[in-house]
């Protein structure tokens, strides 16, 4: 989907094993990222915001809904799914009914 000339990219988990913190952070580190984990309670909402960096986010457990108000899209993420949100793209987040454990990192500008 195109948003302000930037593309939000979603990759569904395709590994043969269940995604784990270790597996995902190892992959992110291979890409030169510095991941950190966060956990939230069920139904927590993050208001619409932007970042000055590209953001990579994986769901380890639970579900997330990423809302993209400028394009009127939403992305439902489950365990192992990855989204890359370019700098400047407005987005909000709603944690699913069972909570969520996620790993994210900022992509360094070159």
Protein backbone atom coordinates (compact mmCIF):
# COMPACT_ATOMS: atom_id res chain seq x y z
CA UNK A 1 0.00 0.00 0.00
CA UNK A 2 1.37 3.45 -0.86
CA UNK A 3 1.25 6.12 1.78
CA UNK A 4 2.87 9.52 1.22
CA UNK A 5 5.25 7.95 -1.30
CA UNK A 6 6.33 5.45 1.37
CA UNK A 7 5.46 1.77 1.54
CA UNK A 8 4.42 -0.06 4.68
CA UNK A 9 5.58 -3.66 4.21
CA UNK A 10 4.06 -6.69 5.92
CA UNK A 11 5.75 -10.10 5.93
CA UNK A 12 3.84 -13.08 7.29
CA UNK A 13 5.78 -15.67 9.30
CA UNK A 14 6.80 -18.55 7.07
CA UNK A 15 9.24 -20.43 9.29
CA UNK A 16 8.68 -24.09 10.07
CA UNK A 17 9.08 -23.51 13.82
CA UNK A 18 7.10 -21.29 16.16
CA UNK A 19 8.64 -17.78 16.23
CA UNK A 20 10.58 -17.08 19.41
CA UNK A 21 12.29 -14.03 20.87
CA UNK A 22 15.65 -15.69 20.23
CA UNK A 23 14.91 -16.57 16.59
CA UNK A 24 13.54 -13.14 15.75
CA UNK A 25 16.21 -11.09 17.52
CA UNK A 26 18.94 -13.21 15.90
CA UNK A 27 17.45 -12.41 12.47
CA UNK A 28 17.16 -8.71 13.29
CA UNK A 29 20.78 -8.55 14.49
CA UNK A 30 21.90 -10.18 11.21
CA UNK A 31 20.24 -7.21 9.50
CA UNK A 32 22.24 -4.79 11.65
CA UNK A 33 19.26 -3.85 13.83
CA UNK A 34 19.30 -3.34 17.62
CA UNK A 35 16.04 -4.95 18.76
CA UNK A 36 14.26 -4.45 22.06
CA UNK A 37 11.20 -6.21 23.43
CA UNK A 38 8.01 -4.75 24.83
CA UNK A 39 4.90 -6.34 26.31
CA UNK A 40 1.40 -4.89 26.63
CA UNK A 41 -1.83 -5.86 28.28
CA UNK A 42 -4.93 -6.79 26.25
CA UNK A 43 -6.67 -4.03 24.30
CA UNK A 44 -4.04 -1.36 25.00
CA UNK A 45 -4.12 1.44 22.41
CA UNK A 46 -1.31 3.64 21.17
CA UNK A 47 -2.53 6.88 19.61
CA UNK A 48 -1.71 7.85 16.04
CA UNK A 49 1.89 9.04 15.76
CA UNK A 50 4.91 9.19 13.45
CA UNK A 51 8.59 8.52 13.91
CA UNK A 52 11.67 10.14 12.41
CA UNK A 53 13.06 6.69 11.57
CA UNK A 54 11.94 3.55 9.77
CA UNK A 55 10.52 1.09 12.29
CA UNK A 56 10.69 -2.72 12.09
CA UNK A 57 8.25 -4.56 14.36
CA UNK A 58 7.70 -8.29 14.93
CA UNK A 59 4.92 -9.88 16.98
CA UNK A 60 6.27 -12.74 19.10
CA UNK A 61 3.05 -13.60 20.94
CA UNK A 62 -0.52 -12.32 20.69
CA UNK A 63 -1.91 -10.00 18.03
CA UNK A 64 -1.67 -6.35 17.00
CA UNK A 65 -3.71 -4.16 14.73
CA UNK A 66 -1.72 -1.39 13.03
CA UNK A 67 -3.98 1.41 11.81
CA UNK A 68 -2.95 3.70 8.95
CA UNK A 69 -5.42 6.60 9.08
CA UNK A 70 -4.10 8.49 6.04
CA UNK A 71 -4.88 5.54 3.75
CA UNK A 72 -7.77 4.14 5.81
CA UNK A 73 -6.01 0.75 6.04
CA UNK A 74 -5.37 -1.60 8.91
CA UNK A 75 -2.97 -4.49 9.27
CA UNK A 76 -3.73 -7.42 11.58
CA UNK A 77 -0.52 -9.05 12.80
CA UNK A 78 -0.07 -12.36 14.59
CA UNK A 79 2.86 -14.30 16.00
CA UNK A 80 5.93 -14.08 13.73
CA UNK A 81 4.58 -11.37 11.45
CA UNK A 82 6.83 -8.42 10.61
CA UNK A 83 5.92 -4.89 9.54
CA UNK A 84 8.23 -2.14 8.35
CA UNK A 85 6.82 1.37 8.78
CA UNK A 86 8.77 4.13 7.01
CA UNK A 87 9.66 7.36 8.78
CA UNK A 88 6.86 9.93 8.72
CA UNK A 89 3.99 7.46 8.16
CA UNK A 90 1.15 8.08 10.61
CA UNK A 91 0.10 4.92 12.42
CA UNK A 92 -1.67 3.75 15.54
CA UNK A 93 -1.59 0.40 17.34
CA UNK A 94 -4.23 -1.66 19.10
CA UNK A 95 -3.11 -4.68 21.14
CA UNK A 96 -5.28 -7.78 20.73
CA UNK A 97 -7.56 -9.35 23.34
CA UNK A 98 -4.82 -11.67 24.68
CA UNK A 99 -2.12 -9.00 24.92
CA UNK A 100 1.09 -8.91 22.90
CA UNK A 101 4.82 -9.44 23.17
CA UNK A 102 6.74 -7.67 20.41
CA UNK A 103 10.27 -6.91 19.28
CA UNK A 104 11.08 -3.70 17.41
CA UNK A 105 14.02 -1.67 16.19
CA UNK A 106 14.77 1.60 14.44
CA UNK A 107 16.48 1.33 11.07
CA UNK A 108 19.59 3.51 10.98
CA UNK A 109 19.65 6.13 8.24
CA UNK A 110 22.53 5.79 5.79
